[in-house]
Amino acid sequence: MEYNLADLFESVVDVVPDREALVYVDHPGTGAERRLTYAELDAAANRLAHHLVDSGVRPGEHLGLHLYNGVEYLQTVLACLKARVVPVNVNYRYVEEELVYLYRDADLAALVFDAEFTERVAAALPRTEKLRHLVRVGTPDPAAPPLKAVDFTEAEAAGSPERGFGPRSADDQFIIYTGGTTGMPKGVMWRQEDLFFSGLGGGAPTGEPVARPEELAERVAAGGDGITFFPTPPLMHGTSTLTAFIGFNFGQRIVIHRKFAPEEVLRTVEKEKVTSMSLVGDAMLRPLIDALSGPLKGTDCSSMFSVSSSGAIMSDSVRAAFQALVPNVMLLNNFGSSESGFNGTATDGSGAGQGFRLRVNARTQVVDPATHRPVEVGEVGRLAQRGHVPLGYYNDPKKTAETFFEYDGARWVLLGDMATVDEEGIVTVLGRGSQCINTGGEKVYPEEVEQALKSHPDIYDALVAGVPDPKWGNHVAAVVQLRDGAPELTLDSLQTHCRTHLAGYKIPRQLVVTDRIQRSPSGKADYRWARTVAAESAAG
């Protein structure tokens, strides 16, 4: 047995077949749900895997998942792993041109998609010559264009529930497409063994990683159940799918909703006795606070011992508001990426004007991007990670050469985040280098300013962008969404607030108040949108 994700999952199934593995709530508020034990989920994945094999999808070929959250999503990922087909996530917000790019760039041979996307898939299909097998989940609208696709339930019914697959390898791949804030999406190619140890914590996000593949099931057999993981972001984002697989590795229960709806999330927390929930920053935590302070006041959240965020931070002010409502929960700002997996967790002391202070794992360092050598204490460099890192970017040797390197006998990945390190080894993440604002020769990282803005009592959400300026080169612009009922906010009052948190050159010189901050479905910042809004406002 190797560190192959399908082999590892099956080893867990064999020791806890009757334990509940997955609870799915369809459309929040309808009460519709599905529950599968580990044995039932395994059999469902086997059926779909056999369908793929019988349909001519070969090991090593790529299958796209163009789906909302659902049993079908995780079932399809497992089916791909079992059949040695490479799963590829597809952003369901993409329109025709973006889909054509991703379908072609990823060399998709097969696609599993929700019926709601039939029109977009049909429009993109004529320009994606390699895509030859389609499986559709649900019933399309009668007005949707005709499309030759196998119904998911028929595909599942036709396949055998037994395993019967050939041997697998730790070298089998898993591709995570990432992008959307800058440039076109890129496919991060992981060996499954590397992903297991970096993105899935080696089966143990806390404590010792497993020393041999068989040990994973032994741990599950020896330990009790009782933990329920609730990844609330879309599974199309790698971090949410990986969170689900961390739960499977522990033999625990996974709860998912089709879409994020704050009030229904809290009802599920109470009903299912959720113990650990993941989300993406303030964009998801604030609506939960609003619901707990209003229509869902009194909801029993006592089962939860942790709420974690990755992809965007939970700011200090928002964390404090949630902690006041759910005092016993541990709030964790985790740090990682599609290229590195998990890097570390924020320490106490991260906050407005202080940067994002991170206690990193032993494989993460701050390096000089030119020489790849570790920087001195206090110097600015880029985060990098060694060891179990991806193979590179699919179909992009140039970007692979820029991001992955060999140094001191190890393979490294160079991340986009600028950072410093102190005498104790604590890393302060300044922000993405690509978003850094150069104003009058000084560098300003949006995340630091956003923390200060979010500590203002009248600001609900905020993004920061650089806008061309004839005097300073660029100036710092704040794009903010106010709380309902908040009074008018002036630039002078905002600057007065920020001066208690930030150096003078970091204080916004422009304020744009918008009805809503635009983010991805998972809550990640859309800086392109923020720059456009700020630039248009400045020009006006």
Protein backbone atom coordinates (compact mmCIF):
# COMPACT_ATOMS: atom_id res chain seq x y z
CA MET A 1 0.00 0.00 0.00
CA GLU A 2 1.23 3.49 -0.92
CA TYR A 3 0.21 7.00 0.05
CA ASN A 4 -2.55 7.02 -2.54
CA LEU A 5 -5.73 8.89 -1.57
CA ALA A 6 -8.10 6.21 -2.89
CA ASP A 7 -6.19 3.43 -1.12
CA LEU A 8 -6.17 5.45 2.10
CA PHE A 9 -9.90 6.17 1.88
CA GLU A 10 -10.70 2.49 1.27
CA SER A 11 -8.55 1.48 4.24
CA VAL A 12 -10.67 3.77 6.45
CA VAL A 13 -13.91 2.40 4.97
CA ASP A 14 -12.84 -1.14 5.84
CA VAL A 15 -12.48 -0.36 9.56
CA VAL A 16 -15.58 1.86 10.02
CA PRO A 17 -17.98 0.84 7.21
CA ASP A 18 -21.15 1.61 9.16
CA ARG A 19 -20.04 4.99 10.49
CA GLU A 20 -21.80 8.00 8.96
CA ALA A 21 -19.47 9.67 6.46
CA LEU A 22 -21.46 12.38 4.71
CA VAL A 23 -24.53 14.51 5.43
CA TYR A 24 -25.72 16.70 2.58
CA VAL A 25 -28.37 19.43 2.87
CA ASP A 26 -29.68 20.26 -0.59
CA HIS A 27 -31.45 23.63 -0.80
CA PRO A 28 -31.24 25.19 2.68
CA GLY A 29 -34.70 25.60 4.16
CA THR A 30 -36.30 22.71 2.25
CA GLY A 31 -35.29 20.03 4.72
CA ALA A 32 -34.06 17.80 1.88
CA GLU A 33 -30.96 15.85 2.87
CA ARG A 34 -28.92 12.72 2.14
CA ARG A 35 -26.90 10.62 4.56
CA LEU A 36 -24.29 8.05 3.58
CA THR A 37 -22.17 5.73 5.66
CA TYR A 38 -18.56 5.09 4.70
CA ALA A 39 -19.58 1.84 3.02
CA GLU A 40 -22.39 3.54 1.10
CA LEU A 41 -20.15 6.38 -0.07
CA ASP A 42 -17.48 3.89 -1.11
CA ALA A 43 -20.00 1.86 -3.14
CA ALA A 44 -21.41 5.00 -4.77
CA ALA A 45 -17.91 6.10 -5.79
CA ASN A 46 -17.16 2.61 -7.12
CA ARG A 47 -20.25 2.73 -9.32
CA LEU A 48 -19.28 6.03 -10.92
CA ALA A 49 -15.63 4.96 -11.28
CA HIS A 50 -16.67 1.82 -13.17
CA HIS A 51 -18.88 3.95 -15.41
CA LEU A 52 -15.92 6.17 -16.27
CA VAL A 53 -13.72 3.17 -17.03
CA ASP A 54 -16.45 1.51 -19.10
CA SER A 55 -16.94 4.77 -21.01
CA GLY A 56 -13.30 4.82 -22.08
CA VAL A 57 -11.91 7.43 -19.69
CA ARG A 58 -8.35 6.23 -19.14
CA PRO A 59 -5.98 6.47 -16.17
CA GLY A 60 -4.12 9.77 -16.24
CA GLU A 61 -6.80 11.59 -18.25
CA HIS A 62 -8.44 14.65 -16.74
CA LEU A 63 -12.05 15.02 -15.58
CA GLY A 64 -13.58 18.40 -14.72
CA LEU A 65 -16.00 18.92 -11.84
CA HIS A 66 -18.31 21.78 -12.85
CA LEU A 67 -20.62 21.44 -9.86
CA TYR A 68 -22.18 23.09 -6.86
CA ASN A 69 -21.63 21.38 -3.52
CA GLY A 70 -23.31 18.01 -3.25
CA VAL A 71 -22.83 14.31 -2.70
CA GLU A 72 -22.03 14.10 -6.41
CA TYR A 73 -19.02 16.35 -6.00
CA LEU A 74 -17.20 14.28 -3.39
CA GLN A 75 -18.45 11.04 -4.96
CA THR A 76 -16.94 12.11 -8.30
CA VAL A 77 -13.60 13.06 -6.74
CA LEU A 78 -13.44 9.64 -5.07
CA ALA A 79 -14.45 7.93 -8.30
CA CYS A 80 -11.63 9.67 -10.15
CA LEU A 81 -9.11 8.66 -7.51
CA LYS A 82 -10.27 5.06 -7.62
CA ALA A 83 -10.07 4.87 -11.43
CA ARG A 84 -6.77 6.83 -11.51
CA VAL A 85 -8.46 9.63 -13.45
CA VAL A 86 -7.19 13.11 -12.48
CA PRO A 87 -9.89 15.34 -10.89
CA VAL A 88 -9.89 19.02 -11.93
CA ASN A 89 -12.01 21.65 -10.16
CA VAL A 90 -13.96 24.12 -12.31
CA ASN A 91 -15.11 27.51 -11.03
CA TYR A 92 -18.87 27.52 -11.54
CA ARG A 93 -18.90 31.32 -11.86
CA TYR A 94 -16.95 31.16 -15.10
CA VAL A 95 -18.69 32.27 -18.27
CA GLU A 96 -18.21 30.80 -21.74
CA GLU A 97 -14.80 32.28 -22.62
CA GLU A 98 -13.31 31.43 -19.22
CA LEU A 99 -14.67 27.89 -19.43
CA VAL A 100 -13.21 27.41 -22.89
CA TYR A 101 -9.83 28.48 -21.54
CA LEU A 102 -9.96 26.15 -18.53
CA TYR A 103 -11.41 23.15 -20.40
CA ARG A 104 -8.68 23.48 -23.03
CA ASP A 105 -5.82 24.37 -20.68
CA ALA A 106 -6.64 21.39 -18.46
CA ASP A 107 -7.05 19.02 -21.46
CA LEU A 108 -10.33 17.72 -20.06
CA ALA A 109 -11.41 14.37 -21.47
CA ALA A 110 -14.56 14.17 -19.34
CA LEU A 111 -16.83 16.53 -17.43
CA VAL A 112 -19.39 16.09 -14.66
CA PHE A 113 -21.60 19.18 -14.47
CA ASP A 114 -24.77 20.47 -12.86
CA ALA A 115 -27.80 20.78 -15.14
CA GLU A 116 -27.97 24.51 -14.32
CA PHE A 117 -24.78 24.97 -16.34
CA THR A 118 -26.01 23.16 -19.46
CA GLU A 119 -26.18 26.33 -21.56
CA ARG A 120 -22.62 27.39 -20.66
CA VAL A 121 -21.22 23.91 -21.24
CA ALA A 122 -22.99 23.64 -24.61
CA ALA A 123 -21.55 27.00 -25.66
CA ALA A 124 -17.99 26.06 -24.68
CA LEU A 125 -18.04 22.48 -26.00
CA PRO A 126 -17.44 23.17 -29.75
CA ARG A 127 -14.06 24.72 -28.93
CA THR A 128 -12.88 22.00 -26.54
CA GLU A 129 -11.94 19.21 -28.92
CA LYS A 130 -10.57 16.76 -26.33
CA LEU A 131 -13.70 16.80 -24.14
CA ARG A 132 -15.58 13.70 -25.25
CA HIS A 133 -17.59 12.36 -22.28
CA LEU A 134 -20.22 14.31 -20.35
CA VAL A 135 -22.19 13.35 -17.24
CA ARG A 136 -24.99 15.66 -16.12
CA VAL A 137 -26.31 15.98 -12.57
CA GLY A 138 -30.00 16.86 -12.42
CA THR A 139 -32.60 17.70 -15.05
CA PRO A 140 -31.89 20.56 -17.46
CA ASP A 141 -34.34 23.32 -18.21
CA PRO A 142 -36.55 22.36 -21.20
CA ALA A 143 -35.33 25.49 -22.97
CA ALA A 144 -31.67 24.54 -22.55
CA PRO A 145 -29.78 23.59 -25.74
CA PRO A 146 -29.59 19.86 -26.50
CA LEU A 147 -26.43 18.25 -25.21
CA LYS A 148 -25.27 14.66 -25.47
CA ALA A 149 -24.68 13.79 -21.83
CA VAL A 150 -25.25 10.75 -19.61
CA ASP A 151 -27.59 11.29 -16.68
CA PHE A 152 -25.63 10.96 -13.41
CA THR A 153 -28.14 8.58 -11.83
CA GLU A 154 -28.01 6.34 -14.91
CA ALA A 155 -24.22 6.38 -14.92
CA GLU A 156 -24.18 5.44 -11.24
CA ALA A 157 -26.78 2.69 -11.65
CA ALA A 158 -24.86 1.09 -14.52
CA GLY A 159 -21.61 0.71 -12.57
CA SER A 160 -20.65 -2.07 -10.18
CA PRO A 161 -20.65 -1.22 -6.44
CA GLU A 162 -17.58 -3.42 -5.96
CA ARG A 163 -14.01 -2.18 -6.16
CA GLY A 164 -12.08 -4.33 -8.59
CA PHE A 165 -9.66 -1.63 -9.75
CA GLY A 166 -6.03 -2.08 -10.65
CA PRO A 167 -3.10 -1.06 -8.47
CA ARG A 168 -2.62 2.64 -7.80
CA SER A 169 0.41 4.75 -7.07
CA ALA A 170 1.59 7.55 -4.80
CA ASP A 171 2.53 9.27 -8.09
CA ASP A 172 -1.11 9.48 -9.23
CA GLN A 173 -2.01 13.13 -9.69
CA PHE A 174 -4.54 15.56 -8.26
CA ILE A 175 -4.87 18.96 -9.98
CA ILE A 176 -6.17 22.09 -8.26
CA TYR A 177 -6.92 25.07 -10.48
CA THR A 178 -6.32 28.38 -8.76
CA GLY A 179 -6.69 31.96 -9.90
CA GLY A 180 -9.26 34.66 -10.41
CA THR A 181 -7.72 37.68 -8.64
CA THR A 182 -4.85 38.07 -11.11
CA GLY A 183 -4.32 36.51 -14.53
CA MET A 184 -5.79 33.31 -15.92
CA PRO A 185 -6.28 30.26 -13.70
CA LYS A 186 -3.37 27.86 -13.26
CA GLY A 187 -3.52 24.12 -12.62
CA VAL A 188 -1.36 23.06 -9.66
CA MET A 189 -0.16 19.47 -10.20
CA TRP A 190 0.19 17.44 -7.02
CA ARG A 191 1.48 13.93 -6.53
CA GLN A 192 -1.04 12.35 -4.16
CA GLU A 193 1.62 11.46 -1.59
CA ASP A 194 2.83 15.06 -1.51
CA LEU A 195 -0.73 16.36 -1.22
CA PHE A 196 -1.42 13.94 1.64
CA PHE A 197 1.46 15.29 3.69
CA SER A 198 1.15 18.99 2.75
CA GLY A 199 -2.52 19.65 2.02
CA LEU A 200 -4.02 16.96 4.23
CA GLY A 201 -1.63 17.16 7.17
CA GLY A 202 -0.38 13.63 6.68
CA GLY A 203 -3.58 12.44 8.28
CA ALA A 204 -2.86 14.53 11.38
CA PRO A 205 -3.11 18.33 11.16
CA THR A 206 -2.08 18.34 14.81
CA GLY A 207 0.29 15.80 16.30
CA GLU A 208 2.57 13.37 14.49
CA PRO A 209 2.02 12.54 10.81
CA VAL A 210 1.50 8.92 9.91
CA ALA A 211 4.70 6.94 9.45
CA ARG A 212 3.26 4.37 7.02
CA PRO A 213 0.04 4.20 4.94
CA GLU A 214 -1.51 1.41 7.00
CA GLU A 215 -1.24 3.50 10.15
CA LEU A 216 -4.05 5.81 9.04
CA ALA A 217 -6.75 3.14 9.31
CA GLU A 218 -5.20 1.84 12.54
CA ARG A 219 -5.65 5.27 14.10
CA VAL A 220 -9.26 5.44 12.94
CA ALA A 221 -9.99 1.97 14.32
CA ALA A 222 -8.40 2.82 17.67
CA GLY A 223 -10.12 6.20 18.09
CA GLY A 224 -13.77 7.01 18.58
CA ASP A 225 -15.95 9.13 16.36
CA GLY A 226 -17.85 12.22 17.44
CA ILE A 227 -16.19 14.89 15.32
CA THR A 228 -18.22 16.52 12.55
CA PHE A 229 -16.44 18.73 10.01
CA PHE A 230 -18.45 21.39 8.19
CA PRO A 231 -16.62 22.96 5.20
CA THR A 232 -18.96 25.82 4.28
CA PRO A 233 -17.19 27.28 1.19
CA PRO A 234 -17.73 25.85 -2.30
CA LEU A 235 -15.99 22.53 -2.87
CA MET A 236 -14.79 23.91 -6.22
CA HIS A 237 -12.11 25.70 -4.19
CA GLY A 238 -9.31 23.33 -3.28
CA THR A 239 -9.21 24.18 0.41
CA SER A 240 -12.82 23.08 0.95
CA THR A 241 -12.38 19.72 -0.79
CA LEU A 242 -9.15 19.12 1.12
CA THR A 243 -10.94 19.91 4.39
CA ALA A 244 -13.49 17.22 3.56
CA PHE A 245 -10.71 14.70 2.87
CA ILE A 246 -8.99 15.53 6.15
CA GLY A 247 -12.25 14.51 7.80
CA PHE A 248 -12.43 11.30 5.77
CA ASN A 249 -8.85 10.49 6.76
CA PHE A 250 -9.92 10.64 10.40
CA GLY A 251 -13.01 8.52 9.76
CA GLN A 252 -15.17 11.45 10.81
CA ARG A 253 -18.40 12.88 9.50
CA ILE A 254 -18.56 15.60 6.84
CA VAL A 255 -21.52 17.97 6.53
CA ILE A 256 -22.00 20.08 3.41
CA HIS A 257 -24.60 22.53 2.09
CA ARG A 258 -25.31 23.19 -1.55
CA LYS A 259 -24.68 26.91 -1.03
CA PHE A 260 -23.67 29.14 1.86
CA ALA A 261 -26.75 30.49 3.65
CA PRO A 262 -25.85 31.85 7.13
CA GLU A 263 -29.08 31.05 8.94
CA GLU A 264 -29.18 27.51 7.56
CA VAL A 265 -25.52 27.01 8.45
CA LEU A 266 -26.33 27.80 12.08
CA ARG A 267 -29.38 25.54 12.08
CA THR A 268 -27.20 22.72 10.79
CA VAL A 269 -24.54 23.42 13.43
CA GLU A 270 -27.19 23.00 16.10
CA LYS A 271 -28.93 19.98 14.56
CA GLU A 272 -25.84 18.00 13.56
CA LYS A 273 -23.74 19.00 16.60
CA VAL A 274 -20.97 20.32 14.33
CA THR A 275 -17.62 20.38 16.10
CA SER A 276 -15.37 22.04 13.49
CA MET A 277 -16.34 24.50 10.79
CA SER A 278 -14.23 26.06 8.04
CA LEU A 279 -14.97 29.28 6.18
CA VAL A 280 -13.19 32.09 4.35
CA GLY A 281 -12.58 35.23 6.38
CA ASP A 282 -14.89 38.03 7.45
CA ALA A 283 -17.06 37.68 4.35
CA MET A 284 -18.47 34.45 5.80
CA LEU A 285 -18.04 35.10 9.52
CA ARG A 286 -19.87 38.45 9.56
CA PRO A 287 -23.17 37.04 8.19
CA LEU A 288 -23.04 34.35 10.89
CA ILE A 289 -22.63 37.08 13.53
CA ASP A 290 -25.58 39.00 12.07
CA ALA A 291 -27.74 35.87 12.17
CA LEU A 292 -26.72 34.99 15.75
CA SER A 293 -27.42 38.56 16.83
CA GLY A 294 -30.80 38.63 15.10
CA PRO A 295 -33.11 35.92 13.73
CA LEU A 296 -30.99 32.99 15.01
CA LYS A 297 -30.29 34.46 18.45
CA GLY A 298 -30.06 31.67 21.00
CA THR A 299 -28.96 28.98 18.51
CA ASP A 300 -27.06 26.27 20.36
CA CYS A 301 -23.46 26.37 19.05
CA SER A 302 -21.96 24.71 22.13
CA SER A 303 -20.84 21.65 20.15
CA MET A 304 -18.30 23.70 18.16
CA PHE A 305 -14.74 23.77 19.42
CA SER A 306 -13.12 25.39 16.36
CA VAL A 307 -13.85 27.70 13.45
CA SER A 308 -10.99 28.00 10.97
CA SER A 309 -10.41 30.30 8.03
CA SER A 310 -8.06 30.03 5.07
CA GLY A 311 -7.88 32.08 1.90
CA ALA A 312 -8.74 35.28 3.81
CA ILE A 313 -8.25 36.27 7.41
CA MET A 314 -10.81 36.80 10.13
CA SER A 315 -10.02 40.30 11.41
CA ASP A 316 -9.63 40.99 15.11
CA SER A 317 -12.81 43.05 15.41
CA VAL A 318 -14.95 40.43 13.70
CA ARG A 319 -13.35 37.62 15.71
CA ALA A 320 -14.17 39.47 18.92
CA ALA A 321 -17.79 39.92 17.88
CA PHE A 322 -18.18 36.19 17.16
CA GLN A 323 -16.33 35.22 20.33
CA ALA A 324 -18.81 37.28 22.38
CA LEU A 325 -21.65 35.22 20.92
CA VAL A 326 -19.90 31.81 20.99
CA PRO A 327 -17.38 32.20 23.83
CA ASN A 328 -16.01 28.65 23.93
CA VAL A 329 -15.05 28.31 20.27
CA MET A 330 -11.44 28.50 19.14
CA LEU A 331 -10.96 30.80 16.12
CA LEU A 332 -8.06 29.83 13.86
CA ASN A 333 -6.62 31.90 11.03
CA ASN A 334 -4.85 29.21 9.02
CA PHE A 335 -2.45 30.05 6.24
CA GLY A 336 -1.85 28.04 3.10
CA SER A 337 -2.33 27.94 -0.64
CA SER A 338 -3.05 25.64 -3.55
CA GLU A 339 0.71 25.54 -4.20
CA SER A 340 1.81 24.77 -0.63
CA GLY A 341 -1.01 23.16 1.30
CA PHE A 342 -0.95 24.11 4.99
CA ASN A 343 1.81 26.45 6.20
CA GLY A 344 0.82 27.52 9.69
CA THR A 345 -1.64 29.26 12.00
CA ALA A 346 -1.76 32.90 13.10
CA THR A 347 -0.49 33.71 16.58
CA ASP A 348 -2.03 36.05 19.13
CA GLY A 349 -1.01 39.58 18.29
CA SER A 350 -2.04 39.56 14.65
CA GLY A 351 -4.31 42.52 14.13
CA ALA A 352 -4.87 46.00 12.79
CA GLY A 353 -1.56 47.60 11.94
CA GLN A 354 0.44 44.54 13.03
CA GLY A 355 0.39 42.34 9.94
CA PHE A 356 -0.53 38.67 9.96
CA ARG A 357 1.78 36.96 12.46
CA LEU A 358 2.21 33.29 11.72
CA ARG A 359 3.74 30.34 13.52
CA VAL A 360 4.87 28.30 10.52
CA ASN A 361 5.74 24.64 10.10
CA ALA A 362 9.36 23.50 9.88
CA ARG A 363 9.29 23.36 6.06
CA THR A 364 8.33 27.02 5.58
CA GLN A 365 10.86 29.86 5.39
CA VAL A 366 11.14 33.47 4.23
CA VAL A 367 13.66 33.65 1.38
CA ASP A 368 15.21 36.16 -0.97
CA PRO A 369 13.30 35.65 -4.26
CA ALA A 370 16.45 36.23 -6.31
CA THR A 371 18.96 34.02 -4.46
CA HIS A 372 16.48 31.69 -2.69
CA ARG A 373 18.52 32.02 0.49
CA PRO A 374 16.78 32.62 3.85
CA VAL A 375 16.53 36.32 4.68
CA GLU A 376 17.97 37.90 7.82
CA VAL A 377 15.73 38.82 10.74
CA GLY A 378 13.62 41.84 9.80
CA GLU A 379 14.33 41.69 6.07
CA VAL A 380 11.46 41.44 3.60
CA GLY A 381 11.37 38.30 1.46
CA ARG A 382 8.90 35.82 0.06
CA LEU A 383 7.43 32.81 1.74
CA ALA A 384 8.66 29.48 0.42
CA GLN A 385 8.11 25.85 1.33
CA ARG A 386 10.25 22.79 0.74
CA GLY A 387 9.74 19.05 0.63
CA HIS A 388 6.28 17.81 -0.29
CA VAL A 389 5.49 20.46 -2.92
CA PRO A 390 3.65 20.24 -6.27
CA LEU A 391 5.24 19.11 -9.52
CA GLY A 392 4.45 22.48 -11.09
CA TYR A 393 1.72 24.14 -13.12
CA TYR A 394 -0.02 22.07 -15.77
CA ASN A 395 0.71 23.23 -19.31
CA ASP A 396 2.84 26.16 -18.08
CA PRO A 397 6.59 25.42 -18.00
CA LYS A 398 7.45 29.15 -17.84
CA LYS A 399 5.40 29.79 -14.70
CA THR A 400 6.63 26.51 -13.23
CA ALA A 401 10.25 27.61 -13.67
CA GLU A 402 9.46 30.94 -11.97
CA THR A 403 7.72 29.36 -8.98
CA PHE A 404 9.45 26.05 -8.26
CA PHE A 405 13.19 25.71 -7.63
CA GLU A 406 15.91 23.47 -6.20
CA TYR A 407 17.95 24.74 -3.27
CA ASP A 408 20.14 23.07 -0.68
CA GLY A 409 19.26 19.60 -1.97
CA ALA A 410 15.48 20.07 -1.71
CA ARG A 411 12.64 21.09 -3.99
CA TRP A 412 10.92 24.36 -3.07
CA VAL A 413 7.85 26.37 -4.08
CA LEU A 414 8.08 30.17 -3.99
CA LEU A 415 4.79 31.67 -2.84
CA GLY A 416 3.45 35.09 -3.74
CA ASP A 417 3.30 36.41 -0.18
CA MET A 418 5.86 38.90 1.10
CA ALA A 419 6.94 38.44 4.72
CA THR A 420 9.51 39.02 7.43
CA VAL A 421 10.74 36.77 10.25
CA ASP A 422 11.71 37.71 13.81
CA GLU A 423 14.20 36.28 16.30
CA GLU A 424 11.69 33.69 17.54
CA GLY A 425 10.95 32.43 14.05
CA ILE A 426 7.51 34.07 13.94
CA VAL A 427 6.67 35.11 10.38
CA THR A 428 4.76 38.31 9.69
CA VAL A 429 2.92 38.03 6.37
CA LEU A 430 2.72 41.45 4.76
CA GLY A 431 0.56 40.50 1.78
CA ARG A 432 0.67 39.40 -1.82
CA GLY A 433 3.54 40.97 -3.71
CA SER A 434 1.31 41.37 -6.76
CA GLN A 435 -1.10 43.56 -4.74
CA CYS A 436 1.59 45.71 -3.10
CA ILE A 437 1.00 49.46 -3.53
CA ASN A 438 4.06 51.65 -4.14
CA THR A 439 3.17 55.12 -2.93
CA GLY A 440 5.91 57.74 -2.85
CA GLY A 441 8.53 54.98 -2.72
CA GLU A 442 6.93 53.29 0.30
CA LYS A 443 5.35 49.84 0.04
CA VAL A 444 1.85 49.30 1.39
CA TYR A 445 0.20 45.88 1.57
CA PRO A 446 -3.62 45.97 1.28
CA GLU A 447 -4.27 43.33 3.96
CA GLU A 448 -2.70 45.44 6.70
CA VAL A 449 -4.82 48.49 5.82
CA GLU A 450 -7.95 46.34 5.50
CA GLN A 451 -7.47 45.11 9.07
CA ALA A 452 -7.44 48.71 10.28
CA LEU A 453 -10.51 49.60 8.22
CA LYS A 454 -12.50 46.63 9.52
CA SER A 455 -11.86 47.72 13.10
CA HIS A 456 -13.99 50.84 12.39
CA PRO A 457 -17.43 50.28 14.00
CA ASP A 458 -19.36 51.47 10.93
CA ILE A 459 -17.49 49.42 8.30
CA TYR A 460 -18.91 46.02 7.39
CA ASP A 461 -16.32 44.99 4.78
CA ALA A 462 -13.42 46.60 2.94
CA LEU A 463 -10.82 46.14 0.20
CA VAL A 464 -7.80 48.31 -0.50
CA ALA A 465 -6.24 49.04 -3.88
CA GLY A 466 -3.64 51.30 -5.43
CA VAL A 467 -4.79 54.06 -7.82
CA PRO A 468 -2.39 55.97 -10.16
CA ASP A 469 -1.47 59.33 -8.68
CA PRO A 470 0.52 62.12 -10.41
CA LYS A 471 2.33 63.06 -7.19
CA TRP A 472 2.88 59.76 -5.39
CA GLY A 473 2.88 57.28 -8.27
CA ASN A 474 -0.03 55.53 -6.59
CA HIS A 475 -2.21 56.38 -3.64
CA VAL A 476 -4.00 54.08 -1.22
CA ALA A 477 -7.75 53.82 -1.90
CA ALA A 478 -10.27 52.25 0.49
CA VAL A 479 -13.37 50.64 -1.01
CA VAL A 480 -15.79 50.02 1.87
CA GLN A 481 -19.22 48.60 2.56
CA LEU A 482 -20.94 50.21 5.54
CA ARG A 483 -23.08 48.47 8.11
CA ASP A 484 -26.83 48.79 7.66
CA GLY A 485 -27.98 52.00 9.26
CA ALA A 486 -24.47 53.41 9.65
CA PRO A 487 -24.12 57.20 9.27
CA GLU A 488 -22.33 58.75 6.33
CA LEU A 489 -18.60 58.11 6.46
CA THR A 490 -16.17 60.85 5.45
CA LEU A 491 -12.58 60.48 4.36
CA ASP A 492 -11.44 62.74 7.23
CA SER A 493 -13.11 60.60 9.89
CA LEU A 494 -11.75 57.42 8.28
CA GLN A 495 -8.23 58.81 8.26
CA THR A 496 -8.53 59.85 11.90
CA HIS A 497 -9.48 56.28 12.79
CA CYS A 498 -6.65 54.76 10.74
CA ARG A 499 -3.99 57.00 12.31
CA THR A 500 -4.31 55.02 15.55
CA HIS A 501 -3.33 51.83 13.68
CA LEU A 502 -1.17 52.75 10.69
CA ALA A 503 1.85 54.80 9.69
CA GLY A 504 0.95 57.98 7.80
CA TYR A 505 1.95 56.72 4.34
CA LYS A 506 -0.41 53.73 4.70
CA ILE A 507 -3.52 55.82 5.43
CA PRO A 508 -6.09 55.87 2.59
CA ARG A 509 -6.10 59.05 0.48
CA GLN A 510 -9.36 58.07 -1.22
CA LEU A 511 -12.64 56.64 0.06
CA VAL A 512 -15.21 54.84 -2.08
CA VAL A 513 -18.43 53.69 -0.41
CA THR A 514 -20.15 50.84 -2.26
CA ASP A 515 -23.34 48.90 -1.62
CA ARG A 516 -21.49 45.61 -1.60
CA ILE A 517 -17.89 44.41 -1.67
CA GLN A 518 -17.37 41.97 -4.52
CA ARG A 519 -15.73 38.69 -3.57
CA SER A 520 -15.52 35.16 -4.95
CA PRO A 521 -18.17 32.63 -3.81
CA SER A 522 -15.72 31.46 -1.13
CA GLY A 523 -15.11 34.99 0.19
CA LYS A 524 -11.72 35.68 -1.40
CA ALA A 525 -10.94 39.28 -2.29
CA ASP A 526 -11.51 40.47 -5.85
CA TYR A 527 -8.74 43.08 -6.13
CA ARG A 528 -9.23 43.63 -9.83
CA TRP A 529 -12.76 44.79 -9.10
CA ALA A 530 -11.58 47.01 -6.24
CA ARG A 531 -8.92 48.67 -8.41
CA THR A 532 -11.45 49.31 -11.18
CA VAL A 533 -14.02 50.81 -8.79
CA ALA A 534 -11.42 53.02 -7.11
CA ALA A 535 -9.87 54.17 -10.40
CA GLU A 536 -13.27 55.02 -11.91
CA SER A 537 -14.21 56.97 -8.79
CA ALA A 538 -10.92 58.89 -8.87
CA ALA A 539 -11.36 59.71 -12.56
CA GLY A 540 -14.91 60.90 -11.93
